[in-house]
């Protein structure tokens, strides 16, 4: 079983944090840019994720970072 490696979301620049918190997609609401609360950043199998809760419905919102995000 592969374990996730915790990363520090808050070590990112303020600008990057805001972008990741605002530019979201909620599978439950089926809406874009509702916002994310309680962000957690981690790496799993070589991929970096930022996970939080949708500000509208509270369901999990997951952002997978690609090379374009760096």
C-alpha atoms as a PDB file:
ATOM      1  CA  UNK A   1       0.000   0.000   0.000  1.00  0.00           C
ATOM      2  CA  UNK A   2       1.382   3.370  -1.012  1.00  0.00           C
ATOM      3  CA  UNK A   3       1.221   6.044   1.635  1.00  0.00           C
ATOM      4  CA  UNK A   4       0.740   9.677   0.898  1.00  0.00           C
ATOM      5  CA  UNK A   5       3.439  12.158   1.818  1.00  0.00           C
ATOM      6  CA  UNK A   6       2.138  15.304   3.475  1.00  0.00           C
ATOM      7  CA  UNK A   7       3.290  18.631   2.002  1.00  0.00           C
ATOM      8  CA  UNK A   8       2.918  22.206   3.290  1.00  0.00           C
ATOM      9  CA  UNK A   9       0.303  24.007   1.191  1.00  0.00           C
ATOM     10  CA  UNK A  10       0.931  27.221   3.127  1.00  0.00           C
ATOM     11  CA  UNK A  11       4.590  27.334   2.051  1.00  0.00           C
ATOM     12  CA  UNK A  12       3.340  28.285  -1.433  1.00  0.00           C
ATOM     13  CA  UNK A  13       3.174  31.950  -2.385  1.00  0.00           C
ATOM     14  CA  UNK A  14       0.023  33.809  -1.373  1.00  0.00           C
ATOM     15  CA  UNK A  15      -0.831  34.195  -5.078  1.00  0.00           C
ATOM     16  CA  UNK A  16      -0.554  30.434  -5.713  1.00  0.00           C
ATOM     17  CA  UNK A  17      -2.603  29.625  -2.612  1.00  0.00           C
ATOM     18  CA  UNK A  18      -5.411  31.941  -3.716  1.00  0.00           C
ATOM     19  CA  UNK A  19      -5.425  30.490  -7.234  1.00  0.00           C
ATOM     20  CA  UNK A  20      -5.706  26.913  -5.957  1.00  0.00           C
ATOM     21  CA  UNK A  21      -8.381  27.854  -3.413  1.00  0.00           C
ATOM     22  CA  UNK A  22     -10.520  29.745  -5.926  1.00  0.00           C
ATOM     23  CA  UNK A  23     -10.082  27.803  -9.183  1.00  0.00           C
ATOM     24  CA  UNK A  24     -11.923  24.613  -8.263  1.00  0.00           C
ATOM     25  CA  UNK A  25     -14.381  22.088  -9.645  1.00  0.00           C
ATOM     26  CA  UNK A  26     -16.921  20.380  -7.391  1.00  0.00           C
ATOM     27  CA  UNK A  27     -18.152  16.995  -8.623  1.00  0.00           C
ATOM     28  CA  UNK A  28     -21.120  17.160  -6.257  1.00  0.00           C
ATOM     29  CA  UNK A  29     -22.313  20.662  -7.244  1.00  0.00           C
ATOM     30  CA  UNK A  30     -21.147  20.234 -10.861  1.00  0.00           C
ATOM     31  CA  UNK A  31     -19.954  23.848 -10.744  1.00  0.00           C
ATOM     32  CA  UNK A  32     -16.666  25.614 -11.261  1.00  0.00           C
ATOM     33  CA  UNK A  33     -14.860  28.056  -8.946  1.00  0.00           C
ATOM     34  CA  UNK A  34     -17.027  27.664  -5.845  1.00  0.00           C
ATOM     35  CA  UNK A  35     -13.907  27.733  -3.689  1.00  0.00           C
ATOM     36  CA  UNK A  36     -12.118  25.323  -1.366  1.00  0.00           C
ATOM     37  CA  UNK A  37     -11.797  25.374   2.419  1.00  0.00           C
ATOM     38  CA  UNK A  38      -9.406  23.448   4.683  1.00  0.00           C
ATOM     39  CA  UNK A  39      -6.759  22.688   2.023  1.00  0.00           C
ATOM     40  CA  UNK A  40      -4.345  19.801   2.512  1.00  0.00           C
ATOM     41  CA  UNK A  41      -1.492  19.166   0.103  1.00  0.00           C
ATOM     42  CA  UNK A  42       0.098  15.763  -0.361  1.00  0.00           C
ATOM     43  CA  UNK A  43       1.985  13.584  -2.816  1.00  0.00           C
ATOM     44  CA  UNK A  44       0.758  10.115  -3.751  1.00  0.00           C
ATOM     45  CA  UNK A  45       2.505   7.863  -6.267  1.00  0.00           C
ATOM     46  CA  UNK A  46       4.513  10.791  -7.630  1.00  0.00           C
ATOM     47  CA  UNK A  47       1.501  13.066  -8.138  1.00  0.00           C
ATOM     48  CA  UNK A  48       0.808  16.156  -6.018  1.00  0.00           C
ATOM     49  CA  UNK A  49      -2.762  16.823  -4.886  1.00  0.00           C
ATOM     50  CA  UNK A  50      -4.513  19.627  -3.048  1.00  0.00           C
ATOM     51  CA  UNK A  51      -7.650  18.426  -1.288  1.00  0.00           C
ATOM     52  CA  UNK A  52     -10.224  20.431   0.607  1.00  0.00           C
ATOM     53  CA  UNK A  53     -13.937  20.974   1.062  1.00  0.00           C
ATOM     54  CA  UNK A  54     -16.275  22.743  -1.353  1.00  0.00           C
ATOM     55  CA  UNK A  55     -17.339  26.067   0.148  1.00  0.00           C
ATOM     56  CA  UNK A  56     -20.889  25.538  -1.142  1.00  0.00           C
ATOM     57  CA  UNK A  57     -21.736  21.927  -0.218  1.00  0.00           C
ATOM     58  CA  UNK A  58     -18.826  20.725   1.953  1.00  0.00           C
ATOM     59  CA  UNK A  59     -18.000  17.706  -0.224  1.00  0.00           C
ATOM     60  CA  UNK A  60     -14.373  16.853  -1.037  1.00  0.00           C
ATOM     61  CA  UNK A  61     -12.751  18.918  -3.795  1.00  0.00           C
ATOM     62  CA  UNK A  62      -9.555  17.482  -5.250  1.00  0.00           C
ATOM     63  CA  UNK A  63      -7.037  19.255  -7.471  1.00  0.00           C
ATOM     64  CA  UNK A  64      -4.338  17.204  -9.191  1.00  0.00           C
ATOM     65  CA  UNK A  65      -1.288  19.307 -10.012  1.00  0.00           C
ATOM     66  CA  UNK A  66       0.237  18.898 -13.444  1.00  0.00           C
ATOM     67  CA  UNK A  67       3.563  20.113 -14.810  1.00  0.00           C
ATOM     68  CA  UNK A  68       1.729  23.248 -16.010  1.00  0.00           C
ATOM     69  CA  UNK A  69       1.041  24.190 -12.381  1.00  0.00           C
ATOM     70  CA  UNK A  70       4.739  24.521 -11.502  1.00  0.00           C
END
